[in-house]
Amino acid sequence: PPDKTDLNKSASHMDKASKKLGQGKPKDAAAEMKKALKELEDKKFELAKLMRRTKEKAQKHTDKQAAEQTALAKQTDETANQMGKTDKAAAMPGQKSAKSAAGKMSSAAGALSKDESSKANEDQKEALKDLKNARDDLDKAIKEEQDAMQMDALVKIDAELQKILNTQKTISAATKMLDAKHEAGKPFVRAEEL
């Protein structure tokens, strides 16, 4: 960082130059002004170097972010492509949103590499929105599938319970008939004894 004392030195030389002019000594004032200008030129050079180093560091960080964003865009695109490779004819829910997110991520990576962080930020926000939509669509489809599977299981259980109920009714009717015969004192025939 620039040293504030060097700027103070320049200001001091300017004050001296002003006093020398007030005393009617323009040559001495010019010498003090040259010293002040030299101090300012040195500071200007230091500031330019600092700005260049700062920009280089920022660019390295931006380049790293652009590379990470590119890799994530590729991963998202591959995931979206996998979502399209199902046994069903239609694409998996959320695939369209995932594809859109991958495109926005690629756009953000390009903006980052051009040092357009504002554009990259907007693209990243859109990508996040698309990813959330993809996730919501997939969650909804999973819930519907679970509900359908649960419904199938309930239908099977209902059918099994109906079969058990019918069998129980048959057994109960036979038991009632046997009990009635027994109460009436009628003898059992061989099949009834078994």
C-alpha atoms as a PDB file:
ATOM      1  CA  PRO A   1       0.000   0.000   0.000  1.00  0.00           C
ATOM      2  CA  PRO A   2       1.144   3.552  -0.637  1.00  0.00           C
ATOM      3  CA  ASP A   3       2.877   5.245   2.252  1.00  0.00           C
ATOM      4  CA  LYS A   4       0.925   8.245   3.513  1.00  0.00           C
ATOM      5  CA  THR A   5       4.118   9.906   4.731  1.00  0.00           C
ATOM      6  CA  ASP A   6       5.365  10.267   1.128  1.00  0.00           C
ATOM      7  CA  LEU A   7       2.206  12.191   0.278  1.00  0.00           C
ATOM      8  CA  ASN A   8       2.772  14.289   3.354  1.00  0.00           C
ATOM      9  CA  LYS A   9       6.298  15.021   2.089  1.00  0.00           C
ATOM     10  CA  SER A  10       4.832  16.200  -1.199  1.00  0.00           C
ATOM     11  CA  ALA A  11       2.341  18.409   0.630  1.00  0.00           C
ATOM     12  CA  SER A  12       5.196  19.805   2.746  1.00  0.00           C
ATOM     13  CA  HIS A  13       7.199  20.680  -0.391  1.00  0.00           C
ATOM     14  CA  MET A  14       4.129  22.425  -1.832  1.00  0.00           C
ATOM     15  CA  ASP A  15       3.701  24.438   1.370  1.00  0.00           C
ATOM     16  CA  LYS A  16       7.369  25.463   1.230  1.00  0.00           C
ATOM     17  CA  ALA A  17       6.957  26.420  -2.439  1.00  0.00           C
ATOM     18  CA  SER A  18       3.945  28.555  -1.545  1.00  0.00           C
ATOM     19  CA  LYS A  19       5.903  30.323   1.218  1.00  0.00           C
ATOM     20  CA  LYS A  20       8.876  30.896  -1.088  1.00  0.00           C
ATOM     21  CA  LEU A  21       6.560  32.440  -3.669  1.00  0.00           C
ATOM     22  CA  GLY A  22       5.101  34.638  -0.947  1.00  0.00           C
ATOM     23  CA  GLN A  23       8.615  35.732  -0.035  1.00  0.00           C
ATOM     24  CA  GLY A  24       9.314  36.593  -3.665  1.00  0.00           C
ATOM     25  CA  LYS A  25      11.741  33.731  -4.255  1.00  0.00           C
ATOM     26  CA  PRO A  26      10.386  32.017  -7.402  1.00  0.00           C
ATOM     27  CA  LYS A  27      13.546  29.983  -8.070  1.00  0.00           C
ATOM     28  CA  ASP A  28      13.431  28.450  -4.575  1.00  0.00           C
ATOM     29  CA  ALA A  29       9.665  27.885  -4.998  1.00  0.00           C
ATOM     30  CA  ALA A  30      10.280  26.095  -8.336  1.00  0.00           C
ATOM     31  CA  ALA A  31      12.826  23.798  -6.655  1.00  0.00           C
ATOM     32  CA  GLU A  32      10.307  22.873  -3.923  1.00  0.00           C
ATOM     33  CA  MET A  33       7.601  22.274  -6.581  1.00  0.00           C
ATOM     34  CA  LYS A  34       9.974  19.928  -8.451  1.00  0.00           C
ATOM     35  CA  LYS A  35      10.510  17.968  -5.239  1.00  0.00           C
ATOM     36  CA  ALA A  36       6.722  17.791  -4.676  1.00  0.00           C
ATOM     37  CA  LEU A  37       6.151  16.612  -8.261  1.00  0.00           C
ATOM     38  CA  LYS A  38       8.870  13.969  -7.882  1.00  0.00           C
ATOM     39  CA  GLU A  39       7.176  12.640  -4.725  1.00  0.00           C
ATOM     40  CA  LEU A  40       3.807  12.563  -6.525  1.00  0.00           C
ATOM     41  CA  GLU A  41       5.267  10.804  -9.584  1.00  0.00           C
ATOM     42  CA  ASP A  42       6.823   8.160  -7.332  1.00  0.00           C
ATOM     43  CA  LYS A  43       3.462   7.617  -5.618  1.00  0.00           C
ATOM     44  CA  LYS A  44       1.678   7.447  -8.976  1.00  0.00           C
ATOM     45  CA  PHE A  45       4.093   4.722 -10.117  1.00  0.00           C
ATOM     46  CA  GLU A  46       3.625   2.766  -6.856  1.00  0.00           C
ATOM     47  CA  LEU A  47      -0.163   3.026  -7.150  1.00  0.00           C
ATOM     48  CA  ALA A  48      -0.053   1.785 -10.748  1.00  0.00           C
ATOM     49  CA  LYS A  49       2.019  -1.247  -9.670  1.00  0.00           C
ATOM     50  CA  LEU A  50      -0.394  -1.916  -6.798  1.00  0.00           C
ATOM     51  CA  MET A  51      -3.393  -1.688  -9.112  1.00  0.00           C
ATOM     52  CA  ARG A  52      -1.764  -4.113 -11.589  1.00  0.00           C
ATOM     53  CA  ARG A  53      -0.956  -6.641  -8.839  1.00  0.00           C
ATOM     54  CA  THR A  54      -4.473  -6.339  -7.403  1.00  0.00           C
ATOM     55  CA  LYS A  55      -6.031  -6.869 -10.822  1.00  0.00           C
ATOM     56  CA  GLU A  56      -3.778  -9.885 -11.483  1.00  0.00           C
ATOM     57  CA  LYS A  57      -4.772 -11.474  -8.160  1.00  0.00           C
ATOM     58  CA  ALA A  58      -8.437 -10.795  -8.830  1.00  0.00           C
ATOM     59  CA  GLN A  59      -8.091 -12.284 -12.319  1.00  0.00           C
ATOM     60  CA  LYS A  60      -6.491 -15.454 -10.915  1.00  0.00           C
ATOM     61  CA  HIS A  61      -9.432 -15.805  -8.540  1.00  0.00           C
ATOM     62  CA  THR A  62     -11.908 -15.126 -11.355  1.00  0.00           C
ATOM     63  CA  ASP A  63     -10.154 -17.647 -13.616  1.00  0.00           C
ATOM     64  CA  LYS A  64     -10.389 -20.258 -10.863  1.00  0.00           C
ATOM     65  CA  GLN A  65     -14.100 -19.531 -10.407  1.00  0.00           C
ATOM     66  CA  ALA A  66     -14.646 -19.720 -14.170  1.00  0.00           C
ATOM     67  CA  ALA A  67     -12.941 -23.135 -14.276  1.00  0.00           C
ATOM     68  CA  GLU A  68     -15.023 -24.407 -11.353  1.00  0.00           C
ATOM     69  CA  GLN A  69     -18.199 -23.035 -12.955  1.00  0.00           C
ATOM     70  CA  THR A  70     -17.325 -24.725 -16.263  1.00  0.00           C
ATOM     71  CA  ALA A  71     -16.771 -28.068 -14.533  1.00  0.00           C
ATOM     72  CA  LEU A  72     -20.065 -27.753 -12.656  1.00  0.00           C
ATOM     73  CA  ALA A  73     -21.900 -26.817 -15.866  1.00  0.00           C
ATOM     74  CA  LYS A  74     -20.489 -29.930 -17.540  1.00  0.00           C
ATOM     75  CA  GLN A  75     -21.504 -32.130 -14.592  1.00  0.00           C
ATOM     76  CA  THR A  76     -25.016 -30.638 -14.632  1.00  0.00           C
ATOM     77  CA  ASP A  77     -25.326 -31.192 -18.380  1.00  0.00           C
ATOM     78  CA  GLU A  78     -24.219 -34.831 -18.007  1.00  0.00           C
ATOM     79  CA  THR A  79     -26.777 -35.313 -15.226  1.00  0.00           C
ATOM     80  CA  ALA A  80     -29.496 -33.794 -17.411  1.00  0.00           C
ATOM     81  CA  ASN A  81     -28.504 -36.123 -20.242  1.00  0.00           C
ATOM     82  CA  GLN A  82     -28.713 -39.113 -17.888  1.00  0.00           C
ATOM     83  CA  MET A  83     -32.182 -37.973 -16.884  1.00  0.00           C
ATOM     84  CA  GLY A  84     -33.193 -38.390 -20.537  1.00  0.00           C
ATOM     85  CA  LYS A  85     -31.903 -41.963 -20.722  1.00  0.00           C
ATOM     86  CA  THR A  86     -34.720 -43.796 -19.017  1.00  0.00           C
ATOM     87  CA  ASP A  87     -36.760 -46.831 -19.997  1.00  0.00           C
ATOM     88  CA  LYS A  88     -39.779 -44.599 -20.416  1.00  0.00           C
ATOM     89  CA  ALA A  89     -40.403 -42.757 -23.679  1.00  0.00           C
ATOM     90  CA  ALA A  90     -40.731 -39.361 -21.973  1.00  0.00           C
ATOM     91  CA  ALA A  91     -37.869 -37.493 -20.365  1.00  0.00           C
ATOM     92  CA  MET A  92     -37.534 -37.641 -16.617  1.00  0.00           C
ATOM     93  CA  PRO A  93     -39.159 -34.802 -14.680  1.00  0.00           C
ATOM     94  CA  GLY A  94     -36.742 -31.939 -14.110  1.00  0.00           C
ATOM     95  CA  GLN A  95     -34.567 -32.696 -17.140  1.00  0.00           C
ATOM     96  CA  LYS A  96     -35.556 -29.534 -19.000  1.00  0.00           C
ATOM     97  CA  SER A  97     -34.778 -27.358 -15.963  1.00  0.00           C
ATOM     98  CA  ALA A  98     -31.464 -29.160 -15.396  1.00  0.00           C
ATOM     99  CA  LYS A  99     -30.482 -28.589 -19.037  1.00  0.00           C
ATOM    100  CA  SER A 100     -31.397 -24.902 -18.679  1.00  0.00           C
ATOM    101  CA  ALA A 101     -29.291 -24.666 -15.506  1.00  0.00           C
ATOM    102  CA  ALA A 102     -26.312 -26.186 -17.324  1.00  0.00           C
ATOM    103  CA  GLY A 103     -26.636 -23.538 -20.036  1.00  0.00           C
ATOM    104  CA  LYS A 104     -26.822 -20.733 -17.492  1.00  0.00           C
ATOM    105  CA  MET A 105     -23.760 -22.142 -15.705  1.00  0.00           C
ATOM    106  CA  SER A 106     -21.803 -22.194 -18.969  1.00  0.00           C
ATOM    107  CA  SER A 107     -22.852 -18.621 -19.628  1.00  0.00           C
ATOM    108  CA  ALA A 108     -21.730 -17.643 -16.113  1.00  0.00           C
ATOM    109  CA  ALA A 109     -18.356 -19.314 -16.686  1.00  0.00           C
ATOM    110  CA  GLY A 110     -17.915 -17.323 -19.903  1.00  0.00           C
ATOM    111  CA  ALA A 111     -18.836 -14.093 -18.135  1.00  0.00           C
ATOM    112  CA  LEU A 112     -16.370 -14.854 -15.334  1.00  0.00           C
ATOM    113  CA  SER A 113     -13.560 -15.458 -17.811  1.00  0.00           C
ATOM    114  CA  LYS A 114     -14.352 -12.044 -19.359  1.00  0.00           C
ATOM    115  CA  ASP A 115     -14.298 -10.458 -15.886  1.00  0.00           C
ATOM    116  CA  GLU A 116     -18.030  -9.680 -16.105  1.00  0.00           C
ATOM    117  CA  SER A 117     -18.954 -10.673 -12.575  1.00  0.00           C
ATOM    118  CA  SER A 118     -22.316  -8.884 -12.648  1.00  0.00           C
ATOM    119  CA  LYS A 119     -23.473 -10.918 -15.682  1.00  0.00           C
ATOM    120  CA  ALA A 120     -22.038 -14.080 -14.134  1.00  0.00           C
ATOM    121  CA  ASN A 121     -23.943 -13.392 -10.925  1.00  0.00           C
ATOM    122  CA  GLU A 122     -27.241 -13.038 -12.827  1.00  0.00           C
ATOM    123  CA  ASP A 123     -26.588 -16.261 -14.767  1.00  0.00           C
ATOM    124  CA  GLN A 124     -25.742 -18.070 -11.538  1.00  0.00           C
ATOM    125  CA  LYS A 125     -28.989 -16.874  -9.934  1.00  0.00           C
ATOM    126  CA  GLU A 126     -30.939 -18.201 -12.931  1.00  0.00           C
ATOM    127  CA  ALA A 127     -29.042 -21.504 -12.748  1.00  0.00           C
ATOM    128  CA  LEU A 128     -29.915 -21.844  -9.048  1.00  0.00           C
ATOM    129  CA  LYS A 129     -33.562 -21.162  -9.861  1.00  0.00           C
ATOM    130  CA  ASP A 130     -33.513 -23.782 -12.635  1.00  0.00           C
ATOM    131  CA  LEU A 131     -31.830 -26.328 -10.356  1.00  0.00           C
ATOM    132  CA  LYS A 132     -34.442 -25.725  -7.665  1.00  0.00           C
ATOM    133  CA  ASN A 133     -37.197 -26.212 -10.240  1.00  0.00           C
ATOM    134  CA  ALA A 134     -35.574 -29.439 -11.455  1.00  0.00           C
ATOM    135  CA  ARG A 135     -35.340 -30.695  -7.893  1.00  0.00           C
ATOM    136  CA  ASP A 136     -38.965 -29.739  -7.169  1.00  0.00           C
ATOM    137  CA  ASP A 137     -40.163 -31.515 -10.351  1.00  0.00           C
ATOM    138  CA  LEU A 138     -38.202 -34.626  -9.440  1.00  0.00           C
ATOM    139  CA  ASP A 139     -39.435 -34.593  -5.827  1.00  0.00           C
ATOM    140  CA  LYS A 140     -43.022 -34.288  -7.066  1.00  0.00           C
ATOM    141  CA  ALA A 141     -42.545 -37.215  -9.463  1.00  0.00           C
ATOM    142  CA  ILE A 142     -40.985 -39.329  -6.703  1.00  0.00           C
ATOM    143  CA  LYS A 143     -43.921 -38.565  -4.390  1.00  0.00           C
ATOM    144  CA  GLU A 144     -46.423 -39.489  -7.113  1.00  0.00           C
ATOM    145  CA  GLU A 145     -44.548 -42.729  -7.791  1.00  0.00           C
ATOM    146  CA  GLN A 146     -44.460 -43.553  -4.084  1.00  0.00           C
ATOM    147  CA  ASP A 147     -48.177 -42.823  -3.822  1.00  0.00           C
ATOM    148  CA  ALA A 148     -48.854 -45.084  -6.824  1.00  0.00           C
ATOM    149  CA  MET A 149     -46.713 -47.858  -5.328  1.00  0.00           C
ATOM    150  CA  GLN A 150     -48.490 -47.468  -2.000  1.00  0.00           C
ATOM    151  CA  MET A 151     -51.843 -47.586  -3.780  1.00  0.00           C
ATOM    152  CA  ASP A 152     -50.827 -50.803  -5.563  1.00  0.00           C
ATOM    153  CA  ALA A 153     -49.799 -52.317  -2.227  1.00  0.00           C
ATOM    154  CA  LEU A 154     -53.085 -51.238  -0.645  1.00  0.00           C
ATOM    155  CA  VAL A 155     -55.097 -52.768  -3.512  1.00  0.00           C
ATOM    156  CA  LYS A 156     -53.186 -56.045  -3.103  1.00  0.00           C
ATOM    157  CA  ILE A 157     -53.748 -56.028   0.660  1.00  0.00           C
ATOM    158  CA  ASP A 158     -57.442 -55.268   0.120  1.00  0.00           C
ATOM    159  CA  ALA A 159     -57.775 -58.186  -2.316  1.00  0.00           C
ATOM    160  CA  GLU A 160     -55.999 -60.500   0.124  1.00  0.00           C
ATOM    161  CA  LEU A 161     -58.216 -59.359   3.001  1.00  0.00           C
ATOM    162  CA  GLN A 162     -61.331 -59.909   0.853  1.00  0.00           C
ATOM    163  CA  LYS A 163     -60.165 -63.448   0.078  1.00  0.00           C
ATOM    164  CA  ILE A 164     -59.536 -64.078   3.793  1.00  0.00           C
ATOM    165  CA  LEU A 165     -62.951 -62.609   4.659  1.00  0.00           C
ATOM    166  CA  ASN A 166     -64.708 -64.851   2.126  1.00  0.00           C
ATOM    167  CA  THR A 167     -62.859 -67.902   3.415  1.00  0.00           C
ATOM    168  CA  GLN A 168     -63.703 -66.938   6.998  1.00  0.00           C
ATOM    169  CA  LYS A 169     -67.389 -66.545   6.064  1.00  0.00           C
ATOM    170  CA  THR A 170     -67.373 -70.042   4.516  1.00  0.00           C
ATOM    171  CA  ILE A 171     -65.712 -71.517   7.589  1.00  0.00           C
ATOM    172  CA  SER A 172     -68.064 -69.632   9.919  1.00  0.00           C
ATOM    173  CA  ALA A 173     -71.123 -70.832   7.973  1.00  0.00           C
ATOM    174  CA  ALA A 174     -69.891 -74.430   8.137  1.00  0.00           C
ATOM    175  CA  THR A 175     -69.200 -74.066  11.861  1.00  0.00           C
ATOM    176  CA  LYS A 176     -72.669 -72.633  12.431  1.00  0.00           C
ATOM    177  CA  MET A 177     -74.202 -75.562  10.532  1.00  0.00           C
ATOM    178  CA  LEU A 178     -72.207 -78.064  12.556  1.00  0.00           C
ATOM    179  CA  ASP A 179     -73.167 -76.350  15.780  1.00  0.00           C
ATOM    180  CA  ALA A 180     -76.831 -76.432  14.802  1.00  0.00           C
ATOM    181  CA  LYS A 181     -76.627 -80.178  14.094  1.00  0.00           C
ATOM    182  CA  HIS A 182     -74.831 -80.737  17.344  1.00  0.00           C
ATOM    183  CA  GLU A 183     -77.487 -78.785  19.274  1.00  0.00           C
ATOM    184  CA  ALA A 184     -80.231 -80.734  17.536  1.00  0.00           C
ATOM    185  CA  GLY A 185     -78.544 -83.944  18.540  1.00  0.00           C
ATOM    186  CA  LYS A 186     -78.194 -85.149  14.978  1.00  0.00           C
ATOM    187  CA  PRO A 187     -75.381 -87.568  14.357  1.00  0.00           C
ATOM    188  CA  PHE A 188     -72.402 -86.447  12.330  1.00  0.00           C
ATOM    189  CA  VAL A 189     -71.711 -88.181   9.110  1.00  0.00           C
ATOM    190  CA  ARG A 190     -68.176 -89.226   8.457  1.00  0.00           C
ATOM    191  CA  ALA A 191     -67.276 -86.097   6.347  1.00  0.00           C
ATOM    192  CA  GLU A 192     -68.588 -83.812   9.057  1.00  0.00           C
ATOM    193  CA  GLU A 193     -66.443 -85.545  11.659  1.00  0.00           C
ATOM    194  CA  LEU A 194     -63.313 -84.786   9.754  1.00  0.00           C
END
